[in-house]
Amino acid sequence: MKVKALLFAFALAVTPAMAATPATGENCPNEMKAIDDALPNVKQRTAADMNEIKRLRTEGEKLHNEGKHTEAMAALGKAKQMIGIK
């Protein structure tokens, strides 16, 4: 009985933490959409900067499609940082 109660308490403690953490692979498309939505409004960037942002966006999508979600999020994060969005 004590084991069941302990397991139940553990499950209650862990479940909210797991629910609050989105799966990285599921978040890549949201990051790509944020970049795509922001690109038309980017001002005061050199052509080289814009090319780098677009390269990082493309690289992020490629990595996502390959299942390399951590690397994809890093590339997409850098692109977002260059654009100035969170």
PDB file of N, CA and C in Angstrom:
ATOM      1  N   MET A   1       0.821  -1.194   0.000  1.00  0.00           N
ATOM      2  CA  MET A   1       0.000   0.000   0.000  1.00  0.00           C
ATOM      3  C   MET A   1       0.863   1.256   0.000  1.00  0.00           C
ATOM      4  N   LYS A   2       1.932   1.242   0.805  1.00  0.00           N
ATOM      5  CA  LYS A   2       2.814   2.404   0.856  1.00  0.00           C
ATOM      6  C   LYS A   2       3.501   2.629  -0.488  1.00  0.00           C
ATOM      7  N   VAL A   3       3.820   1.549  -1.179  1.00  0.00           N
ATOM      8  CA  VAL A   3       4.471   1.662  -2.482  1.00  0.00           C
ATOM      9  C   VAL A   3       3.527   2.322  -3.474  1.00  0.00           C
ATOM     10  N   LYS A   4       2.266   1.911  -3.477  1.00  0.00           N
ATOM     11  CA  LYS A   4       1.280   2.510  -4.382  1.00  0.00           C
ATOM     12  C   LYS A   4       1.108   3.992  -4.086  1.00  0.00           C
ATOM     13  N   ALA A   5       1.029   4.338  -2.820  1.00  0.00           N
ATOM     14  CA  ALA A   5       0.867   5.741  -2.437  1.00  0.00           C
ATOM     15  C   ALA A   5       2.087   6.549  -2.860  1.00  0.00           C
ATOM     16  N   LEU A   6       3.260   5.982  -2.710  1.00  0.00           N
ATOM     17  CA  LEU A   6       4.493   6.669  -3.105  1.00  0.00           C
ATOM     18  C   LEU A   6       4.544   6.856  -4.614  1.00  0.00           C
ATOM     19  N   LEU A   7       4.191   5.831  -5.368  1.00  0.00           N
ATOM     20  CA  LEU A   7       4.170   5.940  -6.829  1.00  0.00           C
ATOM     21  C   LEU A   7       3.139   6.969  -7.289  1.00  0.00           C
ATOM     22  N   PHE A   8       1.990   6.977  -6.647  1.00  0.00           N
ATOM     23  CA  PHE A   8       0.957   7.945  -6.990  1.00  0.00           C
ATOM     24  C   PHE A   8       1.446   9.372  -6.729  1.00  0.00           C
ATOM     25  N   ALA A   9       2.079   9.588  -5.592  1.00  0.00           N
ATOM     26  CA  ALA A   9       2.604  10.914  -5.255  1.00  0.00           C
ATOM     27  C   ALA A   9       3.680  11.339  -6.254  1.00  0.00           C
ATOM     28  N   PHE A  10       4.526  10.406  -6.635  1.00  0.00           N
ATOM     29  CA  PHE A  10       5.573  10.701  -7.618  1.00  0.00           C
ATOM     30  C   PHE A  10       4.950  11.088  -8.958  1.00  0.00           C
ATOM     31  N   ALA A  11       3.936  10.334  -9.384  1.00  0.00           N
ATOM     32  CA  ALA A  11       3.268  10.627 -10.648  1.00  0.00           C
ATOM     33  C   ALA A  11       2.629  12.013 -10.627  1.00  0.00           C
ATOM     34  N   LEU A  12       2.025  12.372  -9.516  1.00  0.00           N
ATOM     35  CA  LEU A  12       1.422  13.702  -9.395  1.00  0.00           C
ATOM     36  C   LEU A  12       2.477  14.804  -9.454  1.00  0.00           C
ATOM     37  N   ALA A  13       3.637  14.545  -8.904  1.00  0.00           N
ATOM     38  CA  ALA A  13       4.699  15.552  -8.899  1.00  0.00           C
ATOM     39  C   ALA A  13       5.335  15.717 -10.275  1.00  0.00           C
ATOM     40  N   VAL A  14       5.462  14.644 -11.021  1.00  0.00           N
ATOM     41  CA  VAL A  14       6.169  14.673 -12.304  1.00  0.00           C
ATOM     42  C   VAL A  14       5.283  15.129 -13.451  1.00  0.00           C
ATOM     43  N   THR A  15       4.021  14.794 -13.439  1.00  0.00           N
ATOM     44  CA  THR A  15       3.131  15.073 -14.556  1.00  0.00           C
ATOM     45  C   THR A  15       3.073  16.553 -14.940  1.00  0.00           C
ATOM     46  N   PRO A  16       2.900  17.504 -14.023  1.00  0.00           N
ATOM     47  CA  PRO A  16       2.851  18.908 -14.439  1.00  0.00           C
ATOM     48  C   PRO A  16       4.152  19.380 -15.078  1.00  0.00           C
ATOM     49  N   ALA A  17       5.268  18.911 -14.604  1.00  0.00           N
ATOM     50  CA  ALA A  17       6.545  19.317 -15.181  1.00  0.00           C
ATOM     51  C   ALA A  17       6.674  18.811 -16.610  1.00  0.00           C
ATOM     52  N   MET A  18       6.225  17.622 -16.860  1.00  0.00           N
ATOM     53  CA  MET A  18       6.292  17.069 -18.206  1.00  0.00           C
ATOM     54  C   MET A  18       5.312  17.775 -19.130  1.00  0.00           C
ATOM     55  N   ALA A  19       4.167  18.127 -18.640  1.00  0.00           N
ATOM     56  CA  ALA A  19       3.163  18.799 -19.463  1.00  0.00           C
ATOM     57  C   ALA A  19       3.599  20.217 -19.820  1.00  0.00           C
ATOM     58  N   ALA A  20       4.362  20.854 -18.965  1.00  0.00           N
ATOM     59  CA  ALA A  20       4.794  22.230 -19.203  1.00  0.00           C
ATOM     60  C   ALA A  20       5.967  22.319 -20.152  1.00  0.00           C
ATOM     61  N   THR A  21       6.614  21.208 -20.449  1.00  0.00           N
ATOM     62  CA  THR A  21       7.776  21.205 -21.319  1.00  0.00           C
ATOM     63  C   THR A  21       7.373  20.675 -22.683  1.00  0.00           C
ATOM     64  N   PRO A  22       7.270  21.567 -23.690  1.00  0.00           N
ATOM     65  CA  PRO A  22       6.876  21.080 -25.006  1.00  0.00           C
ATOM     66  C   PRO A  22       7.988  20.247 -25.629  1.00  0.00           C
ATOM     67  N   ALA A  23       7.596  19.271 -26.416  1.00  0.00           N
ATOM     68  CA  ALA A  23       8.588  18.466 -27.122  1.00  0.00           C
ATOM     69  C   ALA A  23       9.302  19.351 -28.124  1.00  0.00           C
ATOM     70  N   THR A  24      10.603  19.268 -28.168  1.00  0.00           N
ATOM     71  CA  THR A  24      11.400  20.122 -29.043  1.00  0.00           C
ATOM     72  C   THR A  24      10.978  19.975 -30.496  1.00  0.00           C
ATOM     73  N   GLY A  25      10.743  18.765 -30.932  1.00  0.00           N
ATOM     74  CA  GLY A  25      10.356  18.529 -32.319  1.00  0.00           C
ATOM     75  C   GLY A  25       9.045  19.181 -32.691  1.00  0.00           C
ATOM     76  N   GLU A  26       8.159  19.301 -31.739  1.00  0.00           N
ATOM     77  CA  GLU A  26       6.872  19.929 -32.003  1.00  0.00           C
ATOM     78  C   GLU A  26       6.985  21.437 -32.059  1.00  0.00           C
ATOM     79  N   ASN A  27       8.051  22.002 -31.511  1.00  0.00           N
ATOM     80  CA  ASN A  27       8.187  23.445 -31.455  1.00  0.00           C
ATOM     81  C   ASN A  27       8.905  24.011 -32.674  1.00  0.00           C
ATOM     82  N   CYS A  28       9.647  23.206 -33.384  1.00  0.00           N
ATOM     83  CA  CYS A  28      10.377  23.690 -34.562  1.00  0.00           C
ATOM     84  C   CYS A  28       9.451  24.403 -35.554  1.00  0.00           C
ATOM     85  N   PRO A  29       8.303  23.814 -35.922  1.00  0.00           N
ATOM     86  CA  PRO A  29       7.422  24.508 -36.869  1.00  0.00           C
ATOM     87  C   PRO A  29       6.930  25.864 -36.352  1.00  0.00           C
ATOM     88  N   ASN A  30       6.713  25.976 -35.054  1.00  0.00           N
ATOM     89  CA  ASN A  30       6.292  27.264 -34.489  1.00  0.00           C
ATOM     90  C   ASN A  30       7.399  28.303 -34.638  1.00  0.00           C
ATOM     91  N   GLU A  31       8.632  27.876 -34.423  1.00  0.00           N
ATOM     92  CA  GLU A  31       9.769  28.788 -34.570  1.00  0.00           C
ATOM     93  C   GLU A  31       9.926  29.209 -36.026  1.00  0.00           C
ATOM     94  N   MET A  32       9.775  28.270 -36.951  1.00  0.00           N
ATOM     95  CA  MET A  32       9.883  28.593 -38.377  1.00  0.00           C
ATOM     96  C   MET A  32       8.792  29.581 -38.779  1.00  0.00           C
ATOM     97  N   LYS A  33       7.588  29.370 -38.279  1.00  0.00           N
ATOM     98  CA  LYS A  33       6.475  30.278 -38.597  1.00  0.00           C
ATOM     99  C   LYS A  33       6.742  31.676 -38.047  1.00  0.00           C
ATOM    100  N   ALA A  34       7.282  31.759 -36.842  1.00  0.00           N
ATOM    101  CA  ALA A  34       7.596  33.070 -36.257  1.00  0.00           C
ATOM    102  C   ALA A  34       8.602  33.816 -37.125  1.00  0.00           C
ATOM    103  N   ILE A  35       9.591  33.094 -37.625  1.00  0.00           N
ATOM    104  CA  ILE A  35      10.596  33.719 -38.503  1.00  0.00           C
ATOM    105  C   ILE A  35       9.933  34.153 -39.800  1.00  0.00           C
ATOM    106  N   ASP A  36       9.152  33.259 -40.417  1.00  0.00           N
ATOM    107  CA  ASP A  36       8.486  33.585 -41.675  1.00  0.00           C
ATOM    108  C   ASP A  36       7.574  34.794 -41.535  1.00  0.00           C
ATOM    109  N   ASP A  37       6.865  34.879 -40.412  1.00  0.00           N
ATOM    110  CA  ASP A  37       5.958  36.008 -40.187  1.00  0.00           C
ATOM    111  C   ASP A  37       6.713  37.312 -39.989  1.00  0.00           C
ATOM    112  N   ALA A  38       7.899  37.246 -39.393  1.00  0.00           N
ATOM    113  CA  ALA A  38       8.666  38.455 -39.089  1.00  0.00           C
ATOM    114  C   ALA A  38       9.508  38.949 -40.264  1.00  0.00           C
ATOM    115  N   LEU A  39       9.890  38.057 -41.164  1.00  0.00           N
ATOM    116  CA  LEU A  39      10.799  38.442 -42.251  1.00  0.00           C
ATOM    117  C   LEU A  39      10.330  39.636 -43.080  1.00  0.00           C
ATOM    118  N   PRO A  40       9.064  39.709 -43.477  1.00  0.00           N
ATOM    119  CA  PRO A  40       8.655  40.864 -44.297  1.00  0.00           C
ATOM    120  C   PRO A  40       8.793  42.212 -43.579  1.00  0.00           C
ATOM    121  N   ASN A  41       8.847  42.199 -42.264  1.00  0.00           N
ATOM    122  CA  ASN A  41       8.903  43.445 -41.495  1.00  0.00           C
ATOM    123  C   ASN A  41      10.314  43.802 -41.027  1.00  0.00           C
ATOM    124  N   VAL A  42      11.305  43.002 -41.407  1.00  0.00           N
ATOM    125  CA  VAL A  42      12.672  43.260 -40.973  1.00  0.00           C
ATOM    126  C   VAL A  42      13.211  44.459 -41.744  1.00  0.00           C
ATOM    127  N   LYS A  43      13.721  45.417 -40.980  1.00  0.00           N
ATOM    128  CA  LYS A  43      14.271  46.637 -41.586  1.00  0.00           C
ATOM    129  C   LYS A  43      15.693  46.846 -41.085  1.00  0.00           C
ATOM    130  N   GLN A  44      16.422  47.635 -41.786  1.00  0.00           N
ATOM    131  CA  GLN A  44      17.776  48.033 -41.399  1.00  0.00           C
ATOM    132  C   GLN A  44      18.705  46.834 -41.239  1.00  0.00           C
ATOM    133  N   ARG A  45      18.628  45.903 -42.138  1.00  0.00           N
ATOM    134  CA  ARG A  45      19.545  44.764 -42.168  1.00  0.00           C
ATOM    135  C   ARG A  45      20.257  44.768 -43.503  1.00  0.00           C
ATOM    136  N   THR A  46      21.519  44.429 -43.482  1.00  0.00           N
ATOM    137  CA  THR A  46      22.268  44.349 -44.728  1.00  0.00           C
ATOM    138  C   THR A  46      21.808  43.117 -45.504  1.00  0.00           C
ATOM    139  N   ALA A  47      22.150  43.091 -46.771  1.00  0.00           N
ATOM    140  CA  ALA A  47      21.822  41.935 -47.596  1.00  0.00           C
ATOM    141  C   ALA A  47      22.501  40.692 -47.040  1.00  0.00           C
ATOM    142  N   ALA A  48      23.709  40.841 -46.540  1.00  0.00           N
ATOM    143  CA  ALA A  48      24.428  39.706 -45.961  1.00  0.00           C
ATOM    144  C   ALA A  48      23.700  39.170 -44.728  1.00  0.00           C
ATOM    145  N   ASP A  49      23.197  40.079 -43.882  1.00  0.00           N
ATOM    146  CA  ASP A  49      22.432  39.652 -42.703  1.00  0.00           C
ATOM    147  C   ASP A  49      21.158  38.923 -43.115  1.00  0.00           C
ATOM    148  N   MET A  50      20.451  39.454 -44.088  1.00  0.00           N
ATOM    149  CA  MET A  50      19.213  38.819 -44.539  1.00  0.00           C
ATOM    150  C   MET A  50      19.499  37.435 -45.131  1.00  0.00           C
ATOM    151  N   ASN A  51      20.585  37.327 -45.875  1.00  0.00           N
ATOM    152  CA  ASN A  51      20.955  36.021 -46.430  1.00  0.00           C
ATOM    153  C   ASN A  51      21.269  35.030 -45.316  1.00  0.00           C
ATOM    154  N   GLU A  52      21.946  35.487 -44.263  1.00  0.00           N
ATOM    155  CA  GLU A  52      22.286  34.616 -43.135  1.00  0.00           C
ATOM    156  C   GLU A  52      21.027  34.193 -42.384  1.00  0.00           C
ATOM    157  N   ILE A  53      20.101  35.105 -42.183  1.00  0.00           N
ATOM    158  CA  ILE A  53      18.835  34.772 -41.514  1.00  0.00           C
ATOM    159  C   ILE A  53      18.088  33.709 -42.317  1.00  0.00           C
ATOM    160  N   LYS A  54      18.000  33.906 -43.617  1.00  0.00           N
ATOM    161  CA  LYS A  54      17.298  32.945 -44.472  1.00  0.00           C
ATOM    162  C   LYS A  54      18.028  31.606 -44.514  1.00  0.00           C
ATOM    163  N   ARG A  55      19.355  31.634 -44.505  1.00  0.00           N
ATOM    164  CA  ARG A  55      20.132  30.397 -44.490  1.00  0.00           C
ATOM    165  C   ARG A  55      19.878  29.618 -43.208  1.00  0.00           C
ATOM    166  N   LEU A  56      19.876  30.336 -42.079  1.00  0.00           N
ATOM    167  CA  LEU A  56      19.623  29.688 -40.790  1.00  0.00           C
ATOM    168  C   LEU A  56      18.207  29.113 -40.731  1.00  0.00           C
ATOM    169  N   ARG A  57      17.263  29.834 -41.284  1.00  0.00           N
ATOM    170  CA  ARG A  57      15.860  29.359 -41.322  1.00  0.00           C
ATOM    171  C   ARG A  57      15.772  28.074 -42.135  1.00  0.00           C
ATOM    172  N   THR A  58      16.416  28.062 -43.295  1.00  0.00           N
ATOM    173  CA  THR A  58      16.418  26.880 -44.158  1.00  0.00           C
ATOM    174  C   THR A  58      17.144  25.718 -43.497  1.00  0.00           C
ATOM    175  N   GLU A  59      18.272  26.018 -42.874  1.00  0.00           N
ATOM    176  CA  GLU A  59      19.028  24.982 -42.163  1.00  0.00           C
ATOM    177  C   GLU A  59      18.195  24.394 -41.026  1.00  0.00           C
ATOM    178  N   GLY A  60      17.489  25.247 -40.292  1.00  0.00           N
ATOM    179  CA  GLY A  60      16.634  24.780 -39.208  1.00  0.00           C
ATOM    180  C   GLY A  60      15.556  23.834 -39.699  1.00  0.00           C
ATOM    181  N   GLU A  61      14.948  24.162 -40.825  1.00  0.00           N
ATOM    182  CA  GLU A  61      13.910  23.281 -41.380  1.00  0.00           C
ATOM    183  C   GLU A  61      14.511  21.950 -41.825  1.00  0.00           C
ATOM    184  N   LYS A  62      15.668  22.003 -42.462  1.00  0.00           N
ATOM    185  CA  LYS A  62      16.344  20.777 -42.915  1.00  0.00           C
ATOM    186  C   LYS A  62      16.663  19.875 -41.717  1.00  0.00           C
ATOM    187  N   LEU A  63      17.232  20.467 -40.670  1.00  0.00           N
ATOM    188  CA  LEU A  63      17.577  19.693 -39.481  1.00  0.00           C
ATOM    189  C   LEU A  63      16.328  19.115 -38.814  1.00  0.00           C
ATOM    190  N   HIS A  64      15.266  19.890 -38.770  1.00  0.00           N
ATOM    191  CA  HIS A  64      13.998  19.412 -38.212  1.00  0.00           C
ATOM    192  C   HIS A  64      13.513  18.187 -38.985  1.00  0.00           C
ATOM    193  N   ASN A  65      13.551  18.276 -40.304  1.00  0.00           N
ATOM    194  CA  ASN A  65      13.094  17.165 -41.136  1.00  0.00           C
ATOM    195  C   ASN A  65      13.960  15.923 -40.978  1.00  0.00           C
ATOM    196  N   GLU A  66      15.212  16.120 -40.597  1.00  0.00           N
ATOM    197  CA  GLU A  66      16.130  15.003 -40.353  1.00  0.00           C
ATOM    198  C   GLU A  66      15.990  14.450 -38.937  1.00  0.00           C
ATOM    199  N   GLY A  67      15.136  15.081 -38.125  1.00  0.00           N
ATOM    200  CA  GLY A  67      14.939  14.627 -36.751  1.00  0.00           C
ATOM    201  C   GLY A  67      15.970  15.178 -35.779  1.00  0.00           C
ATOM    202  N   LYS A  68      16.759  16.138 -36.211  1.00  0.00           N
ATOM    203  CA  LYS A  68      17.799  16.740 -35.366  1.00  0.00           C
ATOM    204  C   LYS A  68      17.230  18.022 -34.754  1.00  0.00           C
ATOM    205  N   HIS A  69      16.304  17.848 -33.817  1.00  0.00           N
ATOM    206  CA  HIS A  69      15.534  18.971 -33.309  1.00  0.00           C
ATOM    207  C   HIS A  69      16.350  19.925 -32.444  1.00  0.00           C
ATOM    208  N   THR A  70      17.288  19.427 -31.692  1.00  0.00           N
ATOM    209  CA  THR A  70      18.118  20.312 -30.869  1.00  0.00           C
ATOM    210  C   THR A  70      18.933  21.242 -31.756  1.00  0.00           C
ATOM    211  N   GLU A  71      19.530  20.679 -32.796  1.00  0.00           N
ATOM    212  CA  GLU A  71      20.314  21.486 -33.734  1.00  0.00           C
ATOM    213  C   GLU A  71      19.419  22.455 -34.501  1.00  0.00           C
ATOM    214  N   ALA A  72      18.223  21.988 -34.864  1.00  0.00           N
ATOM    215  CA  ALA A  72      17.275  22.848 -35.576  1.00  0.00           C
ATOM    216  C   ALA A  72      16.893  24.045 -34.720  1.00  0.00           C
ATOM    217  N   MET A  73      16.604  23.794 -33.445  1.00  0.00           N
ATOM    218  CA  MET A  73      16.220  24.885 -32.553  1.00  0.00           C
ATOM    219  C   MET A  73      17.364  25.876 -32.368  1.00  0.00           C
ATOM    220  N   ALA A  74      18.595  25.395 -32.379  1.00  0.00           N
ATOM    221  CA  ALA A  74      19.746  26.299 -32.251  1.00  0.00           C
ATOM    222  C   ALA A  74      19.835  27.214 -33.468  1.00  0.00           C
ATOM    223  N   ALA A  75      19.695  26.655 -34.663  1.00  0.00           N
ATOM    224  CA  ALA A  75      19.754  27.456 -35.884  1.00  0.00           C
ATOM    225  C   ALA A  75      18.594  28.445 -35.941  1.00  0.00           C
ATOM    226  N   LEU A  76      17.398  27.970 -35.628  1.00  0.00           N
ATOM    227  CA  LEU A  76      16.227  28.843 -35.659  1.00  0.00           C
ATOM    228  C   LEU A  76      16.321  29.926 -34.593  1.00  0.00           C
ATOM    229  N   GLY A  77      16.866  29.587 -33.452  1.00  0.00           N
ATOM    230  CA  GLY A  77      17.053  30.578 -32.387  1.00  0.00           C
ATOM    231  C   GLY A  77      18.007  31.684 -32.795  1.00  0.00           C
ATOM    232  N   LYS A  78      19.068  31.306 -33.495  1.00  0.00           N
ATOM    233  CA  LYS A  78      20.030  32.313 -33.958  1.00  0.00           C
ATOM    234  C   LYS A  78      19.375  33.232 -34.981  1.00  0.00           C
ATOM    235  N   ALA A  79      18.574  32.657 -35.869  1.00  0.00           N
ATOM    236  CA  ALA A  79      17.854  33.477 -36.862  1.00  0.00           C
ATOM    237  C   ALA A  79      16.905  34.446 -36.166  1.00  0.00           C
ATOM    238  N   LYS A  80      16.173  33.943 -35.173  1.00  0.00           N
ATOM    239  CA  LYS A  80      15.263  34.814 -34.430  1.00  0.00           C
ATOM    240  C   LYS A  80      16.004  35.918 -33.706  1.00  0.00           C
ATOM    241  N   GLN A  81      17.148  35.586 -33.153  1.00  0.00           N
ATOM    242  CA  GLN A  81      17.954  36.585 -32.452  1.00  0.00           C
ATOM    243  C   GLN A  81      18.403  37.674 -33.425  1.00  0.00           C
ATOM    244  N   MET A  82      18.819  37.281 -34.613  1.00  0.00           N
ATOM    245  CA  MET A  82      19.258  38.263 -35.615  1.00  0.00           C
ATOM    246  C   MET A  82      18.114  39.172 -36.040  1.00  0.00           C
ATOM    247  N   ILE A  83      16.903  38.608 -36.094  1.00  0.00           N
ATOM    248  CA  ILE A  83      15.736  39.406 -36.466  1.00  0.00           C
ATOM    249  C   ILE A  83      15.323  40.317 -35.313  1.00  0.00           C
ATOM    250  N   GLY A  84      15.555  39.845 -34.104  1.00  0.00           N
ATOM    251  CA  GLY A  84      15.179  40.628 -32.930  1.00  0.00           C
ATOM    252  C   GLY A  84      13.837  40.230 -32.369  1.00  0.00           C
ATOM    253  N   ILE A  85      13.466  38.945 -32.550  1.00  0.00           N
ATOM    254  CA  ILE A  85      12.222  38.454 -31.964  1.00  0.00           C
ATOM    255  C   ILE A  85      12.554  37.389 -30.928  1.00  0.00           C
ATOM    256  N   LYS A  86      11.590  37.181 -30.027  1.00  0.00           N
ATOM    257  CA  LYS A  86      11.787  36.204 -28.951  1.00  0.00           C
ATOM    258  C   LYS A  86      11.203  34.873 -29.318  1.00  0.00           C
TER     259      LYS A  86
END
